PDB file of N, CA and C in Angstrom:
ATOM      1  N   MET A   1      28.908 -14.921  11.562  1.00  0.00           N
ATOM      2  CA  MET A   1      28.342 -14.279  10.474  1.00  0.00           C
ATOM      3  C   MET A   1      27.771 -12.843  10.916  1.00  0.00           C
ATOM      4  N   PRO A   2      27.795 -12.390  12.286  1.00  0.00           N
ATOM      5  CA  PRO A   2      27.535 -11.052  12.550  1.00  0.00           C
ATOM      6  C   PRO A   2      28.268  -9.707  11.750  1.00  0.00           C
ATOM      7  N   ALA A   3      27.191  -9.176  10.925  1.00  0.00           N
ATOM      8  CA  ALA A   3      27.864  -8.107  10.039  1.00  0.00           C
ATOM      9  C   ALA A   3      26.936  -7.122  10.158  1.00  0.00           C
ATOM     10  N   ARG A   4      27.324  -5.779  10.113  1.00  0.00           N
ATOM     11  CA  ARG A   4      26.480  -4.479   9.965  1.00  0.00           C
ATOM     12  C   ARG A   4      26.847  -3.742   8.905  1.00  0.00           C
ATOM     13  N   TYR A   5      25.879  -3.053   8.273  1.00  0.00           N
ATOM     14  CA  TYR A   5      25.702  -2.364   7.199  1.00  0.00           C
ATOM     15  C   TYR A   5      25.030  -0.953   7.303  1.00  0.00           C
ATOM     16  N   ALA A   6      25.533   0.070   6.709  1.00  0.00           N
ATOM     17  CA  ALA A   6      24.928   1.424   6.757  1.00  0.00           C
ATOM     18  C   ALA A   6      24.730   1.902   5.317  1.00  0.00           C
ATOM     19  N   PHE A   7      23.587   2.279   4.815  1.00  0.00           N
ATOM     20  CA  PHE A   7      23.632   2.746   3.443  1.00  0.00           C
ATOM     21  C   PHE A   7      22.196   3.814   3.540  1.00  0.00           C
ATOM     22  N   THR A   8      22.393   4.360   2.560  1.00  0.00           N
ATOM     23  CA  THR A   8      21.144   5.498   2.351  1.00  0.00           C
ATOM     24  C   THR A   8      20.640   5.227   0.776  1.00  0.00           C
ATOM     25  N   ALA A   9      19.061   5.060   0.828  1.00  0.00           N
ATOM     26  CA  ALA A   9      18.309   4.657  -0.530  1.00  0.00           C
ATOM     27  C   ALA A   9      17.147   5.312  -0.611  1.00  0.00           C
ATOM     28  N   PRO A  10      16.596   5.637  -1.639  1.00  0.00           N
ATOM     29  CA  PRO A  10      15.249   6.126  -2.032  1.00  0.00           C
ATOM     30  C   PRO A  10      14.310   5.017  -1.513  1.00  0.00           C
ATOM     31  N   LEU A  11      13.189   5.491  -0.969  1.00  0.00           N
ATOM     32  CA  LEU A  11      11.886   4.638  -0.832  1.00  0.00           C
ATOM     33  C   LEU A  11      11.365   4.489  -2.176  1.00  0.00           C
ATOM     34  N   TRP A  12      10.750   3.262  -2.285  1.00  0.00           N
ATOM     35  CA  TRP A  12      10.003   2.931  -3.627  1.00  0.00           C
ATOM     36  C   TRP A  12       8.692   2.296  -2.935  1.00  0.00           C
ATOM     37  N   GLN A  13       7.797   2.421  -3.854  1.00  0.00           N
ATOM     38  CA  GLN A  13       6.455   1.989  -3.702  1.00  0.00           C
ATOM     39  C   GLN A  13       5.940   0.635  -4.344  1.00  0.00           C
ATOM     40  N   TRP A  14       5.501  -0.362  -4.026  1.00  0.00           N
ATOM     41  CA  TRP A  14       4.920  -1.432  -4.785  1.00  0.00           C
ATOM     42  C   TRP A  14       3.500  -1.800  -4.448  1.00  0.00           C
ATOM     43  N   LYS A  15       2.638  -1.665  -5.505  1.00  0.00           N
ATOM     44  CA  LYS A  15       1.231  -1.785  -5.316  1.00  0.00           C
ATOM     45  C   LYS A  15       0.507  -2.991  -5.457  1.00  0.00           C
ATOM     46  N   GLY A  16      -0.003  -3.808  -4.624  1.00  0.00           N
ATOM     47  CA  GLY A  16      -0.517  -5.004  -4.910  1.00  0.00           C
ATOM     48  C   GLY A  16      -2.003  -4.930  -5.077  1.00  0.00           C
ATOM     49  N   ARG A  17      -2.764  -6.039  -5.254  1.00  0.00           N
ATOM     50  CA  ARG A  17      -4.189  -5.770  -5.317  1.00  0.00           C
ATOM     51  C   ARG A  17      -4.964  -4.739  -4.413  1.00  0.00           C
ATOM     52  N   ARG A  18      -4.623  -4.998  -3.142  1.00  0.00           N
ATOM     53  CA  ARG A  18      -5.378  -4.204  -2.443  1.00  0.00           C
ATOM     54  C   ARG A  18      -4.565  -3.252  -1.331  1.00  0.00           C
ATOM     55  N   ASP A  19      -3.115  -3.815  -1.482  1.00  0.00           N
ATOM     56  CA  ASP A  19      -2.054  -3.116  -0.462  1.00  0.00           C
ATOM     57  C   ASP A  19      -1.129  -2.365  -1.085  1.00  0.00           C
ATOM     58  N   GLU A  20      -0.569  -1.323  -0.370  1.00  0.00           N
ATOM     59  CA  GLU A  20       0.780  -0.885  -0.742  1.00  0.00           C
ATOM     60  C   GLU A  20       1.978  -1.034   0.231  1.00  0.00           C
ATOM     61  N   TRP A  21       3.042  -1.304  -0.612  1.00  0.00           N
ATOM     62  CA  TRP A  21       4.141  -1.852   0.218  1.00  0.00           C
ATOM     63  C   TRP A  21       5.187  -0.886  -0.221  1.00  0.00           C
ATOM     64  N   PHE A  22       6.026  -0.529   0.749  1.00  0.00           N
ATOM     65  CA  PHE A  22       7.296   0.331   0.586  1.00  0.00           C
ATOM     66  C   PHE A  22       8.626  -0.561   0.992  1.00  0.00           C
ATOM     67  N   PHE A  23       9.542  -0.055   0.331  1.00  0.00           N
ATOM     68  CA  PHE A  23      10.776  -0.666   0.322  1.00  0.00           C
ATOM     69  C   PHE A  23      11.901   0.165  -0.067  1.00  0.00           C
ATOM     70  N   VAL A  24      12.932  -0.111   0.389  1.00  0.00           N
ATOM     71  CA  VAL A  24      14.275   0.395  -0.005  1.00  0.00           C
ATOM     72  C   VAL A  24      15.090  -0.671  -0.463  1.00  0.00           C
ATOM     73  N   SER A  25      16.059  -0.446  -1.501  1.00  0.00           N
ATOM     74  CA  SER A  25      16.784  -1.377  -2.087  1.00  0.00           C
ATOM     75  C   SER A  25      18.420  -1.457  -1.336  1.00  0.00           C
ATOM     76  N   LEU A  26      18.743  -2.541  -1.252  1.00  0.00           N
ATOM     77  CA  LEU A  26      20.166  -2.258  -0.910  1.00  0.00           C
ATOM     78  C   LEU A  26      21.113  -2.162  -1.844  1.00  0.00           C
ATOM     79  N   PRO A  27      22.153  -1.363  -1.795  1.00  0.00           N
ATOM     80  CA  PRO A  27      23.182  -1.183  -2.902  1.00  0.00           C
ATOM     81  C   PRO A  27      23.687  -2.671  -3.356  1.00  0.00           C
ATOM     82  N   GLU A  28      24.114  -2.674  -4.577  1.00  0.00           N
ATOM     83  CA  GLU A  28      24.496  -3.932  -5.001  1.00  0.00           C
ATOM     84  C   GLU A  28      25.617  -4.438  -4.362  1.00  0.00           C
ATOM     85  N   ASP A  29      26.853  -3.596  -4.132  1.00  0.00           N
ATOM     86  CA  ASP A  29      27.808  -4.286  -3.488  1.00  0.00           C
ATOM     87  C   ASP A  29      27.652  -4.771  -2.105  1.00  0.00           C
ATOM     88  N   LEU A  30      26.736  -4.198  -1.371  1.00  0.00           N
ATOM     89  CA  LEU A  30      26.277  -4.886  -0.206  1.00  0.00           C
ATOM     90  C   LEU A  30      25.546  -6.006  -0.279  1.00  0.00           C
ATOM     91  N   SER A  31      24.702  -5.946  -1.332  1.00  0.00           N
ATOM     92  CA  SER A  31      23.667  -7.267  -1.653  1.00  0.00           C
ATOM     93  C   SER A  31      24.770  -8.348  -1.930  1.00  0.00           C
ATOM     94  N   ASP A  32      25.800  -8.198  -2.779  1.00  0.00           N
ATOM     95  CA  ASP A  32      26.781  -9.245  -2.918  1.00  0.00           C
ATOM     96  C   ASP A  32      27.456  -9.825  -1.940  1.00  0.00           C
ATOM     97  N   GLU A  33      27.744  -8.814  -0.953  1.00  0.00           N
ATOM     98  CA  GLU A  33      28.519  -9.445   0.239  1.00  0.00           C
ATOM     99  C   GLU A  33      27.596 -10.092   1.155  1.00  0.00           C
ATOM    100  N   ILE A  34      26.459  -9.712   1.279  1.00  0.00           N
ATOM    101  CA  ILE A  34      25.449 -10.347   2.090  1.00  0.00           C
ATOM    102  C   ILE A  34      25.000 -11.811   1.519  1.00  0.00           C
ATOM    103  N   THR A  35      24.828 -11.802  -0.046  1.00  0.00           N
ATOM    104  CA  THR A  35      24.683 -13.191  -0.606  1.00  0.00           C
ATOM    105  C   THR A  35      25.811 -14.001  -0.160  1.00  0.00           C
ATOM    106  N   ALA A  36      26.848 -13.514  -0.351  1.00  0.00           N
ATOM    107  CA  ALA A  36      28.165 -14.402  -0.077  1.00  0.00           C
ATOM    108  C   ALA A  36      28.327 -14.948   1.277  1.00  0.00           C
ATOM    109  N   ARG A  37      27.985 -13.886   2.308  1.00  0.00           N
ATOM    110  CA  ARG A  37      28.076 -14.219   3.742  1.00  0.00           C
ATOM    111  C   ARG A  37      26.921 -15.404   4.134  1.00  0.00           C
ATOM    112  N   THR A  38      25.690 -15.318   3.310  1.00  0.00           N
ATOM    113  CA  THR A  38      24.656 -15.942   3.957  1.00  0.00           C
ATOM    114  C   THR A  38      24.534 -17.362   3.090  1.00  0.00           C
ATOM    115  N   ASP A  39      25.576 -17.698   2.028  1.00  0.00           N
ATOM    116  CA  ASP A  39      25.333 -18.727   1.154  1.00  0.00           C
ATOM    117  C   ASP A  39      24.843 -20.036   2.061  1.00  0.00           C
ATOM    118  N   GLY A  40      23.874 -20.750   1.748  1.00  0.00           N
ATOM    119  CA  GLY A  40      23.467 -21.928   2.446  1.00  0.00           C
ATOM    120  C   GLY A  40      22.573 -21.693   3.781  1.00  0.00           C
ATOM    121  N   LEU A  41      22.505 -20.467   4.147  1.00  0.00           N
ATOM    122  CA  LEU A  41      21.895 -20.053   5.465  1.00  0.00           C
ATOM    123  C   LEU A  41      20.674 -19.242   5.250  1.00  0.00           C
ATOM    124  N   ARG A  42      20.248 -19.105   4.188  1.00  0.00           N
ATOM    125  CA  ARG A  42      19.204 -18.038   4.164  1.00  0.00           C
ATOM    126  C   ARG A  42      17.528 -18.958   4.326  1.00  0.00           C
ATOM    127  N   GLY A  43      16.726 -18.097   4.522  1.00  0.00           N
ATOM    128  CA  GLY A  43      15.591 -18.593   5.100  1.00  0.00           C
ATOM    129  C   GLY A  43      14.473 -18.875   3.872  1.00  0.00           C
ATOM    130  N   GLY A  44      13.159 -19.030   4.020  1.00  0.00           N
ATOM    131  CA  GLY A  44      12.265 -18.924   3.020  1.00  0.00           C
ATOM    132  C   GLY A  44      12.151 -17.837   2.208  1.00  0.00           C
ATOM    133  N   PHE A  45      11.866 -18.073   0.687  1.00  0.00           N
ATOM    134  CA  PHE A  45      12.027 -17.075  -0.399  1.00  0.00           C
ATOM    135  C   PHE A  45      13.340 -16.543  -0.343  1.00  0.00           C
ATOM    136  N   ASP A  46      14.470 -17.222   0.285  1.00  0.00           N
ATOM    137  CA  ASP A  46      15.804 -16.686   0.047  1.00  0.00           C
ATOM    138  C   ASP A  46      16.044 -15.446   0.982  1.00  0.00           C
ATOM    139  N   SER A  47      15.130 -15.390   2.043  1.00  0.00           N
ATOM    140  CA  SER A  47      15.141 -14.234   2.746  1.00  0.00           C
ATOM    141  C   SER A  47      16.549 -14.362   3.828  1.00  0.00           C
ATOM    142  N   VAL A  48      16.805 -13.164   4.132  1.00  0.00           N
ATOM    143  CA  VAL A  48      18.104 -12.987   5.303  1.00  0.00           C
ATOM    144  C   VAL A  48      17.340 -12.093   6.383  1.00  0.00           C
ATOM    145  N   PRO A  49      17.336 -12.672   7.760  1.00  0.00           N
ATOM    146  CA  PRO A  49      16.839 -12.100   8.733  1.00  0.00           C
ATOM    147  C   PRO A  49      17.764 -11.029   9.168  1.00  0.00           C
ATOM    148  N   VAL A  50      17.391  -9.774   9.592  1.00  0.00           N
ATOM    149  CA  VAL A  50      17.963  -8.761  10.053  1.00  0.00           C
ATOM    150  C   VAL A  50      17.575  -8.063  10.921  1.00  0.00           C
ATOM    151  N   ASP A  51      18.248  -7.248  11.835  1.00  0.00           N
ATOM    152  CA  ASP A  51      17.968  -6.097  12.710  1.00  0.00           C
ATOM    153  C   ASP A  51      18.075  -4.807  11.971  1.00  0.00           C
ATOM    154  N   VAL A  52      17.143  -3.823  12.095  1.00  0.00           N
ATOM    155  CA  VAL A  52      17.150  -2.756  11.164  1.00  0.00           C
ATOM    156  C   VAL A  52      17.026  -1.366  12.129  1.00  0.00           C
ATOM    157  N   THR A  53      17.822  -0.431  11.860  1.00  0.00           N
ATOM    158  CA  THR A  53      17.616   0.728  12.401  1.00  0.00           C
ATOM    159  C   THR A  53      17.348   1.935  11.344  1.00  0.00           C
ATOM    160  N   VAL A  54      16.145   2.642  11.416  1.00  0.00           N
ATOM    161  CA  VAL A  54      16.024   3.697  10.696  1.00  0.00           C
ATOM    162  C   VAL A  54      15.618   5.065  11.736  1.00  0.00           C
ATOM    163  N   GLY A  55      16.347   6.048  11.875  1.00  0.00           N
ATOM    164  CA  GLY A  55      16.355   6.959  12.891  1.00  0.00           C
ATOM    165  C   GLY A  55      16.535   6.595  14.219  1.00  0.00           C
ATOM    166  N   ARG A  56      15.408   6.615  14.946  1.00  0.00           N
ATOM    167  CA  ARG A  56      15.342   6.172  16.287  1.00  0.00           C
ATOM    168  C   ARG A  56      14.480   4.890  16.401  1.00  0.00           C
ATOM    169  N   THR A  57      14.152   4.448  15.366  1.00  0.00           N
ATOM    170  CA  THR A  57      13.183   3.198  15.371  1.00  0.00           C
ATOM    171  C   THR A  57      14.042   1.865  15.000  1.00  0.00           C
ATOM    172  N   SER A  58      13.915   0.901  15.730  1.00  0.00           N
ATOM    173  CA  SER A  58      14.500  -0.342  15.457  1.00  0.00           C
ATOM    174  C   SER A  58      13.737  -1.539  15.417  1.00  0.00           C
ATOM    175  N   TRP A  59      13.921  -2.548  14.651  1.00  0.00           N
ATOM    176  CA  TRP A  59      12.989  -3.706  14.540  1.00  0.00           C
ATOM    177  C   TRP A  59      13.685  -4.793  13.960  1.00  0.00           C
ATOM    178  N   ARG A  60      12.936  -5.928  13.847  1.00  0.00           N
ATOM    179  CA  ARG A  60      13.470  -7.444  13.157  1.00  0.00           C
ATOM    180  C   ARG A  60      12.803  -7.426  12.083  1.00  0.00           C
ATOM    181  N   THR A  61      13.207  -7.827  10.996  1.00  0.00           N
ATOM    182  CA  THR A  61      12.545  -8.283   9.949  1.00  0.00           C
ATOM    183  C   THR A  61      13.334  -9.088   8.953  1.00  0.00           C
ATOM    184  N   SER A  62      13.308  -9.324   7.510  1.00  0.00           N
ATOM    185  CA  SER A  62      14.015  -9.878   6.768  1.00  0.00           C
ATOM    186  C   SER A  62      14.279  -8.915   5.593  1.00  0.00           C
ATOM    187  N   ILE A  63      15.254  -9.130   4.741  1.00  0.00           N
ATOM    188  CA  ILE A  63      15.504  -8.652   3.292  1.00  0.00           C
ATOM    189  C   ILE A  63      14.956  -9.748   2.527  1.00  0.00           C
ATOM    190  N   PHE A  64      14.733  -9.441   1.318  1.00  0.00           N
ATOM    191  CA  PHE A  64      14.192 -10.292   0.314  1.00  0.00           C
ATOM    192  C   PHE A  64      14.996  -9.951  -1.086  1.00  0.00           C
ATOM    193  N   PRO A  65      15.341 -11.112  -1.634  1.00  0.00           N
ATOM    194  CA  PRO A  65      16.086 -10.848  -3.051  1.00  0.00           C
ATOM    195  C   PRO A  65      15.076 -10.195  -4.202  1.00  0.00           C
ATOM    196  N   MET A  66      15.320  -9.279  -4.935  1.00  0.00           N
ATOM    197  CA  MET A  66      14.694  -8.545  -5.918  1.00  0.00           C
ATOM    198  C   MET A  66      14.518  -9.253  -7.264  1.00  0.00           C
ATOM    199  N   GLY A  67      15.602 -10.307  -7.416  1.00  0.00           N
ATOM    200  CA  GLY A  67      15.782 -10.782  -8.726  1.00  0.00           C
ATOM    201  C   GLY A  67      16.729 -10.420  -9.647  1.00  0.00           C
ATOM    202  N   ASP A  68      17.295  -9.095  -9.376  1.00  0.00           N
ATOM    203  CA  ASP A  68      18.257  -8.464 -10.054  1.00  0.00           C
ATOM    204  C   ASP A  68      19.617  -8.550  -9.157  1.00  0.00           C
ATOM    205  N   GLY A  69      19.626  -9.414  -8.361  1.00  0.00           N
ATOM    206  CA  GLY A  69      20.868  -9.698  -7.496  1.00  0.00           C
ATOM    207  C   GLY A  69      20.848  -8.819  -6.256  1.00  0.00           C
ATOM    208  N   ARG A  70      19.946  -7.808  -6.026  1.00  0.00           N
ATOM    209  CA  ARG A  70      19.928  -6.949  -4.870  1.00  0.00           C
ATOM    210  C   ARG A  70      18.887  -7.446  -4.019  1.00  0.00           C
ATOM    211  N   TYR A  71      18.982  -6.971  -2.681  1.00  0.00           N
ATOM    212  CA  TYR A  71      17.917  -7.198  -1.783  1.00  0.00           C
ATOM    213  C   TYR A  71      17.161  -6.124  -1.675  1.00  0.00           C
ATOM    214  N   SER A  72      15.780  -6.083  -1.069  1.00  0.00           N
ATOM    215  CA  SER A  72      14.869  -5.212  -0.722  1.00  0.00           C
ATOM    216  C   SER A  72      14.594  -5.287   0.679  1.00  0.00           C
ATOM    217  N   LEU A  73      14.362  -4.067   1.476  1.00  0.00           N
ATOM    218  CA  LEU A  73      14.110  -4.180   2.853  1.00  0.00           C
ATOM    219  C   LEU A  73      12.687  -3.318   2.799  1.00  0.00           C
ATOM    220  N   PRO A  74      11.609  -4.227   3.334  1.00  0.00           N
ATOM    221  CA  PRO A  74      10.148  -3.397   3.589  1.00  0.00           C
ATOM    222  C   PRO A  74      10.339  -2.476   4.808  1.00  0.00           C
ATOM    223  N   LEU A  75       9.554  -1.389   4.459  1.00  0.00           N
ATOM    224  CA  LEU A  75       9.461  -0.438   5.652  1.00  0.00           C
ATOM    225  C   LEU A  75       8.077  -0.170   6.055  1.00  0.00           C
ATOM    226  N   LYS A  76       7.706  -0.684   7.091  1.00  0.00           N
ATOM    227  CA  LYS A  76       6.290  -0.905   7.596  1.00  0.00           C
ATOM    228  C   LYS A  76       5.651   0.470   7.990  1.00  0.00           C
ATOM    229  N   LYS A  77       4.534   0.712   7.756  1.00  0.00           N
ATOM    230  CA  LYS A  77       3.754   1.891   8.127  1.00  0.00           C
ATOM    231  C   LYS A  77       4.064   2.412   9.415  1.00  0.00           C
ATOM    232  N   THR A  78       4.147   1.591  10.484  1.00  0.00           N
ATOM    233  CA  THR A  78       4.486   2.253  11.917  1.00  0.00           C
ATOM    234  C   THR A  78       5.833   2.825  11.986  1.00  0.00           C
ATOM    235  N   VAL A  79       6.856   2.206  10.998  1.00  0.00           N
ATOM    236  CA  VAL A  79       8.131   3.042  10.931  1.00  0.00           C
ATOM    237  C   VAL A  79       8.248   4.418  10.337  1.00  0.00           C
ATOM    238  N   ARG A  80       7.373   4.315   9.130  1.00  0.00           N
ATOM    239  CA  ARG A  80       7.418   5.393   8.126  1.00  0.00           C
ATOM    240  C   ARG A  80       6.659   6.624   8.825  1.00  0.00           C
ATOM    241  N   VAL A  81       5.638   6.207   9.636  1.00  0.00           N
ATOM    242  CA  VAL A  81       4.946   7.101  10.425  1.00  0.00           C
ATOM    243  C   VAL A  81       5.753   7.813  11.677  1.00  0.00           C
ATOM    244  N   ALA A  82       6.446   6.884  12.302  1.00  0.00           N
ATOM    245  CA  ALA A  82       7.397   7.221  13.601  1.00  0.00           C
ATOM    246  C   ALA A  82       8.323   8.108  13.068  1.00  0.00           C
ATOM    247  N   GLU A  83       9.139   7.695  11.974  1.00  0.00           N
ATOM    248  CA  GLU A  83      10.118   8.546  11.513  1.00  0.00           C
ATOM    249  C   GLU A  83       9.932   9.714  10.473  1.00  0.00           C
ATOM    250  N   GLY A  84       8.588  10.066  10.177  1.00  0.00           N
ATOM    251  CA  GLY A  84       8.176  11.018   9.116  1.00  0.00           C
ATOM    252  C   GLY A  84       8.767  10.775   7.770  1.00  0.00           C
ATOM    253  N   ILE A  85       8.563   9.438   7.274  1.00  0.00           N
ATOM    254  CA  ILE A  85       9.112   9.200   6.096  1.00  0.00           C
ATOM    255  C   ILE A  85       8.138   9.462   5.154  1.00  0.00           C
ATOM    256  N   GLU A  86       8.255  10.323   4.172  1.00  0.00           N
ATOM    257  CA  GLU A  86       7.062  10.591   3.041  1.00  0.00           C
ATOM    258  C   GLU A  86       7.603   9.548   1.891  1.00  0.00           C
ATOM    259  N   HIS A  87       6.687   9.492   0.800  1.00  0.00           N
ATOM    260  CA  HIS A  87       6.645   8.784  -0.213  1.00  0.00           C
ATOM    261  C   HIS A  87       7.854   8.918  -1.234  1.00  0.00           C
ATOM    262  N   ASP A  88       8.455  10.187  -1.127  1.00  0.00           N
ATOM    263  CA  ASP A  88       9.648  10.414  -2.012  1.00  0.00           C
ATOM    264  C   ASP A  88      10.780  10.650  -1.200  1.00  0.00           C
ATOM    265  N   ALA A  89      10.795   9.982  -0.183  1.00  0.00           N
ATOM    266  CA  ALA A  89      12.210  10.175   0.668  1.00  0.00           C
ATOM    267  C   ALA A  89      13.334   9.184   0.418  1.00  0.00           C
ATOM    268  N   THR A  90      14.347   9.940   0.935  1.00  0.00           N
ATOM    269  CA  THR A  90      15.603   9.063   0.719  1.00  0.00           C
ATOM    270  C   THR A  90      15.830   8.736   2.194  1.00  0.00           C
ATOM    271  N   VAL A  91      16.176   7.341   2.741  1.00  0.00           N
ATOM    272  CA  VAL A  91      16.330   6.874   3.911  1.00  0.00           C
ATOM    273  C   VAL A  91      17.701   6.402   4.319  1.00  0.00           C
ATOM    274  N   ASP A  92      18.160   6.847   5.440  1.00  0.00           N
ATOM    275  CA  ASP A  92      19.278   6.091   6.110  1.00  0.00           C
ATOM    276  C   ASP A  92      19.034   4.953   6.699  1.00  0.00           C
ATOM    277  N   VAL A  93      19.559   3.914   6.659  1.00  0.00           N
ATOM    278  CA  VAL A  93      19.224   2.801   7.151  1.00  0.00           C
ATOM    279  C   VAL A  93      20.515   1.947   7.533  1.00  0.00           C
ATOM    280  N   VAL A  94      20.392   1.338   8.811  1.00  0.00           N
ATOM    281  CA  VAL A  94      21.322   0.352   9.489  1.00  0.00           C
ATOM    282  C   VAL A  94      20.818  -0.855   9.641  1.00  0.00           C
ATOM    283  N   ILE A  95      21.521  -1.895   8.970  1.00  0.00           N
ATOM    284  CA  ILE A  95      21.011  -3.198   9.144  1.00  0.00           C
ATOM    285  C   ILE A  95      22.131  -4.265   9.681  1.00  0.00           C
ATOM    286  N   ALA A  96      21.834  -5.297  10.549  1.00  0.00           N
ATOM    287  CA  ALA A  96      22.573  -6.177  11.020  1.00  0.00           C
ATOM    288  C   ALA A  96      22.356  -7.304  10.821  1.00  0.00           C
ATOM    289  N   LEU A  97      22.920  -8.369  10.131  1.00  0.00           N
ATOM    290  CA  LEU A  97      22.574  -9.915   9.912  1.00  0.00           C
ATOM    291  C   LEU A  97      22.322 -10.634  11.296  1.00  0.00           C
ATOM    292  N   ARG A  98      21.407 -11.180  11.322  1.00  0.00           N
ATOM    293  CA  ARG A  98      20.997 -12.296  12.436  1.00  0.00           C
ATOM    294  C   ARG A  98      21.141 -13.786  11.924  1.00  0.00           C
ATOM    295  N   GLU A  99      21.384 -14.505  12.935  1.00  0.00           N
ATOM    296  CA  GLU A  99      21.767 -15.899  12.648  1.00  0.00           C
ATOM    297  C   GLU A  99      20.126 -16.482  12.504  1.00  0.00           C
ATOM    298  N   LEU A 100      20.078 -17.459  11.367  1.00  0.00           N
ATOM    299  CA  LEU A 100      18.917 -18.215  11.115  1.00  0.00           C
ATOM    300  C   LEU A 100      18.671 -19.327  12.437  1.00  0.00           C
ATOM    301  N   ARG A 101      17.512 -19.264  12.648  1.00  0.00           N
ATOM    302  CA  ARG A 101      17.489 -20.323  13.857  1.00  0.00           C
ATOM    303  C   ARG A 101      16.701 -21.748  13.422  1.00  0.00           C
TER     304      ARG A 101
END
């Protein structure tokens, strides 16, 4: 299943009751390919475990389906601060699918 994808997407914000969450959405074609590659292999909430690199920062997380056929990638505050990513930024992302354990 190893696969690696690079894309550029705008950062967007979701506001919860007390929290602010920031995401980038994967392009539809990449989301379609990831869905096909991970059929029957996804985790809770249909999440897909990935290794991510933005700039010089790398970490492990999961991407989550958005309900429109695309996946969203959460960008935690430590990454945004380390990479100087502002609220209106466009972000260059590299993700690699990981095996579910």
